[in-house]
N, C-alpha and C. Protein backbone atom coordinates (compact mmCIF):
# COMPACT_ATOMS: atom_id res chain seq x y z
N MET A 1 -8.23 0.46 -32.00
CA MET A 1 -7.35 1.56 -31.63
C MET A 1 -5.98 1.01 -31.29
N PRO A 2 -4.95 1.42 -32.01
CA PRO A 2 -3.60 0.90 -31.76
C PRO A 2 -3.03 1.44 -30.44
N ILE A 3 -2.21 0.62 -29.84
CA ILE A 3 -1.55 1.01 -28.59
C ILE A 3 -0.20 1.61 -28.93
N GLU A 4 0.09 2.73 -28.32
CA GLU A 4 1.36 3.43 -28.54
C GLU A 4 2.53 2.58 -28.07
N PRO A 5 3.70 2.70 -28.73
CA PRO A 5 4.89 1.95 -28.30
C PRO A 5 5.29 2.24 -26.85
N ALA A 6 5.14 3.48 -26.42
CA ALA A 6 5.49 3.82 -25.03
C ALA A 6 4.57 3.11 -24.05
N THR A 7 3.31 2.93 -24.43
CA THR A 7 2.37 2.21 -23.57
C THR A 7 2.76 0.74 -23.49
N VAL A 8 3.17 0.18 -24.62
CA VAL A 8 3.64 -1.21 -24.63
C VAL A 8 4.88 -1.35 -23.74
N ALA A 9 5.79 -0.38 -23.83
CA ALA A 9 6.99 -0.40 -22.98
C ALA A 9 6.60 -0.30 -21.51
N ALA A 10 5.64 0.57 -21.19
CA ALA A 10 5.19 0.73 -19.80
C ALA A 10 4.58 -0.57 -19.29
N LEU A 11 3.74 -1.19 -20.10
CA LEU A 11 3.13 -2.46 -19.69
C LEU A 11 4.18 -3.56 -19.54
N GLY A 12 5.20 -3.53 -20.39
CA GLY A 12 6.30 -4.48 -20.26
C GLY A 12 7.05 -4.30 -18.94
N LEU A 13 7.30 -3.05 -18.58
CA LEU A 13 7.96 -2.77 -17.29
C LEU A 13 7.09 -3.23 -16.12
N LEU A 14 5.80 -2.97 -16.22
CA LEU A 14 4.88 -3.38 -15.15
C LEU A 14 4.81 -4.90 -15.03
N ALA A 15 4.76 -5.60 -16.16
CA ALA A 15 4.75 -7.07 -16.14
C ALA A 15 6.07 -7.60 -15.59
N ALA A 16 7.17 -6.96 -15.97
CA ALA A 16 8.48 -7.35 -15.43
C ALA A 16 8.52 -7.14 -13.92
N GLY A 17 7.85 -6.10 -13.43
CA GLY A 17 7.78 -5.88 -11.99
C GLY A 17 7.08 -7.01 -11.26
N VAL A 18 6.02 -7.52 -11.86
CA VAL A 18 5.31 -8.64 -11.25
C VAL A 18 6.20 -9.88 -11.24
N VAL A 19 6.84 -10.17 -12.35
CA VAL A 19 7.73 -11.34 -12.44
C VAL A 19 8.91 -11.17 -11.47
N ALA A 20 9.44 -9.98 -11.38
CA ALA A 20 10.60 -9.72 -10.52
C ALA A 20 10.30 -9.93 -9.05
N SER A 21 9.03 -9.92 -8.68
CA SER A 21 8.71 -10.13 -7.27
C SER A 21 9.11 -11.53 -6.81
N PHE A 22 9.37 -12.42 -7.76
CA PHE A 22 9.80 -13.78 -7.42
C PHE A 22 11.31 -13.97 -7.52
N LEU A 23 12.02 -12.92 -7.90
CA LEU A 23 13.46 -13.04 -8.11
C LEU A 23 14.23 -12.19 -7.11
N PRO A 24 15.22 -12.77 -6.46
CA PRO A 24 16.00 -11.96 -5.52
C PRO A 24 16.85 -10.93 -6.27
N LEU A 25 17.05 -9.81 -5.64
CA LEU A 25 17.88 -8.71 -6.14
C LEU A 25 17.34 -7.99 -7.36
N VAL A 26 16.13 -8.32 -7.80
CA VAL A 26 15.52 -7.60 -8.91
C VAL A 26 14.40 -6.75 -8.30
N PRO A 27 14.55 -5.45 -8.36
CA PRO A 27 13.61 -4.56 -7.65
C PRO A 27 12.26 -4.43 -8.34
N SER A 28 11.33 -5.26 -7.96
CA SER A 28 10.00 -5.24 -8.59
C SER A 28 9.32 -3.88 -8.43
N GLY A 29 9.48 -3.27 -7.28
CA GLY A 29 8.86 -1.97 -7.05
C GLY A 29 9.38 -0.90 -7.98
N LEU A 30 10.69 -0.91 -8.23
CA LEU A 30 11.25 0.09 -9.14
C LEU A 30 10.80 -0.14 -10.58
N LEU A 31 10.70 -1.39 -10.98
CA LEU A 31 10.19 -1.69 -12.33
C LEU A 31 8.74 -1.24 -12.47
N SER A 32 7.96 -1.48 -11.43
CA SER A 32 6.56 -1.05 -11.45
C SER A 32 6.47 0.47 -11.52
N LEU A 33 7.27 1.15 -10.72
CA LEU A 33 7.26 2.61 -10.74
C LEU A 33 7.69 3.14 -12.11
N ALA A 34 8.70 2.52 -12.68
CA ALA A 34 9.15 2.95 -14.01
C ALA A 34 8.02 2.78 -15.02
N GLY A 35 7.28 1.68 -14.92
CA GLY A 35 6.15 1.46 -15.83
C GLY A 35 5.08 2.52 -15.68
N VAL A 36 4.77 2.89 -14.44
CA VAL A 36 3.77 3.94 -14.20
C VAL A 36 4.24 5.26 -14.79
N TYR A 37 5.49 5.61 -14.53
CA TYR A 37 5.99 6.91 -14.97
C TYR A 37 6.15 6.98 -16.49
N VAL A 38 6.55 5.88 -17.12
CA VAL A 38 6.62 5.86 -18.59
C VAL A 38 5.22 6.02 -19.17
N PHE A 39 4.25 5.33 -18.58
CA PHE A 39 2.87 5.46 -19.06
C PHE A 39 2.37 6.89 -18.89
N TRP A 40 2.62 7.48 -17.74
CA TRP A 40 2.17 8.85 -17.47
C TRP A 40 2.85 9.83 -18.43
N TRP A 41 4.15 9.65 -18.63
CA TRP A 41 4.91 10.50 -19.55
C TRP A 41 4.36 10.38 -20.97
N SER A 42 4.07 9.13 -21.37
CA SER A 42 3.60 8.90 -22.74
C SER A 42 2.23 9.54 -23.00
N ASN A 43 1.52 9.86 -21.94
CA ASN A 43 0.21 10.51 -22.06
C ASN A 43 0.30 11.99 -21.72
N GLY A 44 1.48 12.55 -21.81
CA GLY A 44 1.66 13.98 -21.59
C GLY A 44 1.40 14.43 -20.17
N PHE A 45 1.58 13.56 -19.21
CA PHE A 45 1.37 13.84 -17.79
C PHE A 45 -0.06 14.30 -17.49
N GLY A 46 -0.98 13.94 -18.36
CA GLY A 46 -2.37 14.32 -18.16
C GLY A 46 -3.22 13.16 -17.66
N THR A 47 -3.13 12.04 -18.38
CA THR A 47 -3.88 10.84 -18.02
C THR A 47 -2.88 9.73 -17.77
N PRO A 48 -2.93 9.07 -16.68
CA PRO A 48 -3.84 9.23 -15.56
C PRO A 48 -3.49 10.47 -14.74
N GLY A 49 -4.35 10.84 -13.84
CA GLY A 49 -4.16 12.04 -13.05
C GLY A 49 -3.10 11.87 -11.97
N VAL A 50 -2.81 12.98 -11.34
CA VAL A 50 -1.78 12.99 -10.29
C VAL A 50 -2.16 12.07 -9.13
N GLY A 51 -3.45 12.03 -8.78
CA GLY A 51 -3.89 11.16 -7.69
C GLY A 51 -3.60 9.69 -7.98
N PHE A 52 -3.88 9.27 -9.22
CA PHE A 52 -3.60 7.89 -9.63
C PHE A 52 -2.11 7.60 -9.53
N VAL A 53 -1.31 8.53 -10.03
CA VAL A 53 0.15 8.34 -9.99
C VAL A 53 0.64 8.30 -8.54
N ALA A 54 0.06 9.13 -7.67
CA ALA A 54 0.46 9.12 -6.27
C ALA A 54 0.14 7.78 -5.60
N VAL A 55 -1.06 7.27 -5.86
CA VAL A 55 -1.46 5.99 -5.25
C VAL A 55 -0.58 4.85 -5.77
N THR A 56 -0.36 4.79 -7.08
CA THR A 56 0.48 3.71 -7.61
C THR A 56 1.93 3.87 -7.17
N THR A 57 2.36 5.09 -6.94
CA THR A 57 3.72 5.30 -6.41
C THR A 57 3.82 4.72 -5.01
N VAL A 58 2.82 4.95 -4.19
CA VAL A 58 2.82 4.37 -2.83
C VAL A 58 2.83 2.85 -2.90
N LEU A 59 2.04 2.28 -3.82
CA LEU A 59 2.03 0.82 -3.98
C LEU A 59 3.39 0.30 -4.43
N GLY A 60 4.01 1.00 -5.40
CA GLY A 60 5.33 0.59 -5.88
C GLY A 60 6.39 0.69 -4.79
N LEU A 61 6.33 1.75 -4.00
CA LEU A 61 7.27 1.89 -2.88
C LEU A 61 7.02 0.82 -1.83
N GLY A 62 5.75 0.44 -1.66
CA GLY A 62 5.43 -0.65 -0.74
C GLY A 62 6.03 -1.97 -1.21
N ALA A 63 5.97 -2.21 -2.52
CA ALA A 63 6.58 -3.43 -3.07
C ALA A 63 8.09 -3.41 -2.86
N LEU A 64 8.69 -2.24 -3.06
CA LEU A 64 10.13 -2.11 -2.83
C LEU A 64 10.48 -2.37 -1.37
N ALA A 65 9.68 -1.81 -0.46
CA ALA A 65 9.92 -2.02 0.97
C ALA A 65 9.75 -3.49 1.34
N ALA A 66 8.71 -4.14 0.80
CA ALA A 66 8.51 -5.56 1.09
C ALA A 66 9.68 -6.39 0.58
N ASP A 67 10.23 -6.00 -0.56
CA ASP A 67 11.35 -6.72 -1.15
C ASP A 67 12.59 -6.64 -0.27
N TYR A 68 12.92 -5.44 0.17
CA TYR A 68 14.18 -5.26 0.88
C TYR A 68 14.08 -5.29 2.39
N LEU A 69 12.89 -5.08 2.95
CA LEU A 69 12.76 -5.06 4.40
C LEU A 69 11.95 -6.23 4.94
N GLY A 70 11.14 -6.85 4.11
CA GLY A 70 10.25 -7.91 4.57
C GLY A 70 10.96 -9.08 5.20
N THR A 71 11.94 -9.61 4.52
CA THR A 71 12.65 -10.79 5.02
C THR A 71 13.45 -10.48 6.29
N PRO A 72 14.23 -9.39 6.32
CA PRO A 72 14.94 -9.10 7.58
C PRO A 72 13.98 -8.85 8.75
N LEU A 73 12.87 -8.19 8.51
CA LEU A 73 11.90 -7.97 9.58
C LEU A 73 11.29 -9.28 10.04
N ALA A 74 11.00 -10.16 9.09
CA ALA A 74 10.44 -11.47 9.45
C ALA A 74 11.44 -12.29 10.26
N ALA A 75 12.69 -12.25 9.84
CA ALA A 75 13.73 -12.99 10.58
C ALA A 75 13.88 -12.44 11.99
N GLY A 76 13.88 -11.12 12.11
CA GLY A 76 13.99 -10.51 13.42
C GLY A 76 12.80 -10.87 14.30
N ALA A 77 11.61 -10.86 13.73
CA ALA A 77 10.42 -11.22 14.49
C ALA A 77 10.45 -12.69 14.91
N ALA A 78 11.11 -13.52 14.13
CA ALA A 78 11.22 -14.94 14.48
C ALA A 78 12.29 -15.19 15.54
N GLY A 79 13.07 -14.16 15.87
CA GLY A 79 14.09 -14.30 16.90
C GLY A 79 15.48 -14.61 16.37
N VAL A 80 15.70 -14.38 15.09
CA VAL A 80 17.00 -14.66 14.48
C VAL A 80 17.92 -13.45 14.68
N SER A 81 19.17 -13.71 14.98
CA SER A 81 20.13 -12.62 15.14
C SER A 81 20.38 -11.95 13.79
N THR A 82 20.81 -10.70 13.85
CA THR A 82 21.09 -9.97 12.62
C THR A 82 22.17 -10.68 11.81
N ARG A 83 23.19 -11.14 12.47
CA ARG A 83 24.28 -11.84 11.78
C ARG A 83 23.77 -13.10 11.07
N ALA A 84 22.95 -13.88 11.76
CA ALA A 84 22.41 -15.10 11.14
C ALA A 84 21.51 -14.75 9.97
N ALA A 85 20.73 -13.68 10.10
CA ALA A 85 19.86 -13.27 9.00
C ALA A 85 20.67 -12.87 7.78
N VAL A 86 21.78 -12.15 8.00
CA VAL A 86 22.63 -11.74 6.88
C VAL A 86 23.27 -12.96 6.23
N VAL A 87 23.78 -13.88 7.04
CA VAL A 87 24.40 -15.09 6.49
C VAL A 87 23.35 -15.91 5.74
N ALA A 88 22.14 -16.01 6.28
CA ALA A 88 21.07 -16.75 5.60
C ALA A 88 20.76 -16.11 4.25
N GLY A 89 20.72 -14.78 4.21
CA GLY A 89 20.47 -14.09 2.94
C GLY A 89 21.55 -14.35 1.92
N VAL A 90 22.80 -14.31 2.35
CA VAL A 90 23.92 -14.56 1.44
C VAL A 90 23.88 -15.99 0.92
N VAL A 91 23.65 -16.94 1.81
CA VAL A 91 23.57 -18.35 1.39
C VAL A 91 22.42 -18.54 0.40
N GLY A 92 21.27 -17.92 0.69
CA GLY A 92 20.14 -18.02 -0.23
C GLY A 92 20.47 -17.47 -1.60
N LEU A 93 21.14 -16.33 -1.64
CA LEU A 93 21.51 -15.73 -2.93
C LEU A 93 22.51 -16.60 -3.69
N LEU A 94 23.44 -17.19 -2.97
CA LEU A 94 24.41 -18.07 -3.62
C LEU A 94 23.76 -19.34 -4.17
N LEU A 95 22.74 -19.82 -3.48
CA LEU A 95 22.06 -21.03 -3.94
C LEU A 95 21.09 -20.77 -5.09
N PHE A 96 20.57 -19.56 -5.17
CA PHE A 96 19.51 -19.27 -6.14
C PHE A 96 19.84 -19.67 -7.57
N PRO A 97 21.02 -19.34 -8.11
CA PRO A 97 21.28 -19.70 -9.51
C PRO A 97 21.27 -21.21 -9.77
N PHE A 98 21.52 -22.00 -8.72
CA PHE A 98 21.61 -23.44 -8.89
C PHE A 98 20.34 -24.17 -8.48
N THR A 99 19.59 -23.60 -7.54
CA THR A 99 18.45 -24.31 -6.98
C THR A 99 17.13 -23.56 -7.11
N GLY A 100 17.18 -22.33 -7.54
CA GLY A 100 15.96 -21.54 -7.68
C GLY A 100 15.42 -21.09 -6.33
N PRO A 101 14.17 -20.66 -6.32
CA PRO A 101 13.58 -20.13 -5.08
C PRO A 101 13.54 -21.13 -3.93
N LEU A 102 13.35 -22.40 -4.23
CA LEU A 102 13.32 -23.39 -3.15
C LEU A 102 14.66 -23.48 -2.44
N GLY A 103 15.73 -23.32 -3.19
CA GLY A 103 17.06 -23.32 -2.58
C GLY A 103 17.27 -22.13 -1.68
N VAL A 104 16.71 -20.99 -2.06
CA VAL A 104 16.80 -19.80 -1.21
C VAL A 104 16.13 -20.08 0.13
N LEU A 105 14.92 -20.63 0.06
CA LEU A 105 14.19 -20.93 1.29
C LEU A 105 14.89 -22.00 2.12
N ALA A 106 15.33 -23.06 1.47
CA ALA A 106 16.00 -24.15 2.19
C ALA A 106 17.33 -23.67 2.78
N GLY A 107 18.08 -22.89 2.01
CA GLY A 107 19.34 -22.37 2.51
C GLY A 107 19.15 -21.46 3.70
N ALA A 108 18.17 -20.58 3.62
CA ALA A 108 17.89 -19.67 4.73
C ALA A 108 17.44 -20.46 5.96
N ALA A 109 16.56 -21.43 5.75
CA ALA A 109 16.09 -22.24 6.87
C ALA A 109 17.24 -23.01 7.52
N GLY A 110 18.11 -23.56 6.69
CA GLY A 110 19.25 -24.31 7.22
C GLY A 110 20.19 -23.44 8.03
N VAL A 111 20.49 -22.26 7.53
CA VAL A 111 21.38 -21.35 8.27
C VAL A 111 20.74 -20.92 9.58
N VAL A 112 19.46 -20.58 9.54
CA VAL A 112 18.77 -20.15 10.76
C VAL A 112 18.76 -21.29 11.78
N TYR A 113 18.46 -22.48 11.33
CA TYR A 113 18.46 -23.63 12.23
C TYR A 113 19.82 -23.83 12.87
N LEU A 114 20.87 -23.83 12.05
CA LEU A 114 22.22 -24.03 12.59
C LEU A 114 22.64 -22.90 13.52
N ALA A 115 22.29 -21.69 13.18
CA ALA A 115 22.63 -20.55 14.05
C ALA A 115 21.92 -20.67 15.39
N GLN A 116 20.67 -21.08 15.36
CA GLN A 116 19.93 -21.24 16.62
C GLN A 116 20.53 -22.37 17.46
N ARG A 117 20.88 -23.45 16.82
CA ARG A 117 21.49 -24.58 17.56
C ARG A 117 22.84 -24.16 18.14
N ARG A 118 23.59 -23.37 17.40
CA ARG A 118 24.89 -22.90 17.88
C ARG A 118 24.72 -22.01 19.12
N ARG A 119 23.61 -21.27 19.17
CA ARG A 119 23.32 -20.42 20.32
C ARG A 119 22.83 -21.22 21.52
N GLY A 120 22.66 -22.52 21.34
CA GLY A 120 22.22 -23.37 22.43
C GLY A 120 20.72 -23.56 22.50
N THR A 121 20.02 -23.16 21.46
CA THR A 121 18.57 -23.31 21.42
C THR A 121 18.23 -24.78 21.18
N ALA A 122 17.19 -25.24 21.83
CA ALA A 122 16.75 -26.62 21.67
C ALA A 122 16.40 -26.90 20.21
N ARG A 123 16.51 -28.17 19.84
CA ARG A 123 16.27 -28.59 18.46
C ARG A 123 14.88 -28.18 17.97
N ALA A 124 13.85 -28.48 18.75
CA ALA A 124 12.48 -28.18 18.32
C ALA A 124 12.28 -26.67 18.16
N GLU A 125 12.80 -25.89 19.08
CA GLU A 125 12.65 -24.43 18.97
C GLU A 125 13.45 -23.90 17.78
N SER A 126 14.60 -24.49 17.48
CA SER A 126 15.39 -24.09 16.31
C SER A 126 14.62 -24.36 15.02
N VAL A 127 13.93 -25.49 14.97
CA VAL A 127 13.11 -25.81 13.80
C VAL A 127 11.97 -24.80 13.67
N ARG A 128 11.31 -24.50 14.79
CA ARG A 128 10.22 -23.52 14.75
C ARG A 128 10.71 -22.15 14.29
N THR A 129 11.88 -21.74 14.76
CA THR A 129 12.43 -20.45 14.36
C THR A 129 12.74 -20.44 12.86
N ALA A 130 13.31 -21.53 12.36
CA ALA A 130 13.60 -21.63 10.93
C ALA A 130 12.31 -21.59 10.12
N LEU A 131 11.29 -22.30 10.57
CA LEU A 131 10.01 -22.31 9.85
C LEU A 131 9.34 -20.93 9.90
N ARG A 132 9.40 -20.25 11.04
CA ARG A 132 8.85 -18.89 11.13
C ARG A 132 9.56 -17.96 10.16
N THR A 133 10.85 -18.12 10.04
CA THR A 133 11.62 -17.28 9.11
C THR A 133 11.18 -17.55 7.67
N VAL A 134 11.03 -18.80 7.30
CA VAL A 134 10.60 -19.15 5.94
C VAL A 134 9.19 -18.63 5.67
N VAL A 135 8.30 -18.78 6.62
CA VAL A 135 6.93 -18.26 6.45
C VAL A 135 6.99 -16.74 6.28
N GLY A 136 7.82 -16.06 7.06
CA GLY A 136 7.97 -14.61 6.93
C GLY A 136 8.50 -14.22 5.56
N MET A 137 9.45 -14.99 5.05
CA MET A 137 9.98 -14.73 3.71
C MET A 137 8.89 -14.89 2.66
N LEU A 138 8.09 -15.93 2.79
CA LEU A 138 7.01 -16.17 1.83
C LEU A 138 5.96 -15.07 1.90
N VAL A 139 5.64 -14.63 3.09
CA VAL A 139 4.65 -13.56 3.25
C VAL A 139 5.18 -12.26 2.63
N ALA A 140 6.46 -11.97 2.87
CA ALA A 140 7.06 -10.76 2.29
C ALA A 140 7.00 -10.82 0.76
N ASN A 141 7.31 -11.98 0.19
CA ASN A 141 7.24 -12.13 -1.26
C ASN A 141 5.81 -12.03 -1.77
N LEU A 142 4.86 -12.57 -1.02
CA LEU A 142 3.46 -12.48 -1.42
C LEU A 142 3.00 -11.01 -1.43
N VAL A 143 3.37 -10.27 -0.39
CA VAL A 143 3.01 -8.85 -0.32
C VAL A 143 3.63 -8.09 -1.50
N GLU A 144 4.90 -8.36 -1.76
CA GLU A 144 5.59 -7.72 -2.89
C GLU A 144 4.88 -8.02 -4.21
N PHE A 145 4.54 -9.29 -4.42
CA PHE A 145 3.84 -9.71 -5.63
C PHE A 145 2.48 -9.02 -5.76
N LEU A 146 1.70 -9.02 -4.68
CA LEU A 146 0.36 -8.43 -4.74
C LEU A 146 0.41 -6.92 -5.00
N LEU A 147 1.39 -6.24 -4.43
CA LEU A 147 1.51 -4.80 -4.67
C LEU A 147 1.91 -4.52 -6.12
N ALA A 148 2.88 -5.29 -6.63
CA ALA A 148 3.29 -5.11 -8.03
C ALA A 148 2.13 -5.45 -8.97
N LEU A 149 1.40 -6.49 -8.65
CA LEU A 149 0.24 -6.88 -9.46
C LEU A 149 -0.85 -5.80 -9.42
N ALA A 150 -1.05 -5.21 -8.26
CA ALA A 150 -2.06 -4.14 -8.13
C ALA A 150 -1.72 -2.96 -9.03
N VAL A 151 -0.44 -2.62 -9.10
CA VAL A 151 -0.02 -1.51 -9.97
C VAL A 151 -0.28 -1.87 -11.43
N LEU A 152 0.09 -3.08 -11.82
CA LEU A 152 -0.15 -3.52 -13.20
C LEU A 152 -1.64 -3.50 -13.55
N VAL A 153 -2.47 -4.04 -12.68
CA VAL A 153 -3.91 -4.08 -12.93
C VAL A 153 -4.49 -2.67 -13.01
N ALA A 154 -4.02 -1.77 -12.15
CA ALA A 154 -4.52 -0.39 -12.17
C ALA A 154 -4.20 0.28 -13.50
N VAL A 155 -2.97 0.12 -13.97
CA VAL A 155 -2.59 0.74 -15.24
C VAL A 155 -3.34 0.08 -16.38
N LEU A 156 -3.49 -1.24 -16.35
CA LEU A 156 -4.27 -1.92 -17.39
C LEU A 156 -5.70 -1.40 -17.44
N ALA A 157 -6.27 -1.14 -16.28
CA ALA A 157 -7.63 -0.61 -16.22
C ALA A 157 -7.70 0.75 -16.91
N VAL A 158 -6.68 1.58 -16.70
CA VAL A 158 -6.66 2.89 -17.35
C VAL A 158 -6.50 2.74 -18.87
N VAL A 159 -5.65 1.79 -19.29
CA VAL A 159 -5.44 1.58 -20.72
C VAL A 159 -6.72 1.09 -21.39
N VAL A 160 -7.39 0.13 -20.77
CA VAL A 160 -8.57 -0.49 -21.35
C VAL A 160 -9.79 0.43 -21.28
N LEU A 161 -9.93 1.11 -20.15
CA LEU A 161 -11.12 1.96 -19.99
C LEU A 161 -10.82 3.30 -20.60
């Protein structure tokens, strides 16, 4: 049974959503949602049902929230000031084209460490705060990835079954 071109496009968007979970500024949740909606549209809004679309929409919105809110929330929970978190994000984005994801993490950790030291925080506590921030960033990315992957797997299950 041949697969319709719109289904191929939907699966491409969903796969791009999973890959985008590892890239800054690329909204994996929106790509996943677009894949779900293209697939639903291509099936005349009949299959999958509204319940399936509602659940995958919640998952896609969760991926979007993890992408844009996860890191700032993690930094705040680690005790980083809003200003330092913003500067760390900007430094990470500037480093990304040259150093990839590791540069984002290292840049953010370095900014957080320096900001904490500037505030008079002891060296060891500054290191712990920087490490907590990096762990929070990794957890946020993992959540984003798992949610985008869940949407892809759900749609694949509908296509195959």
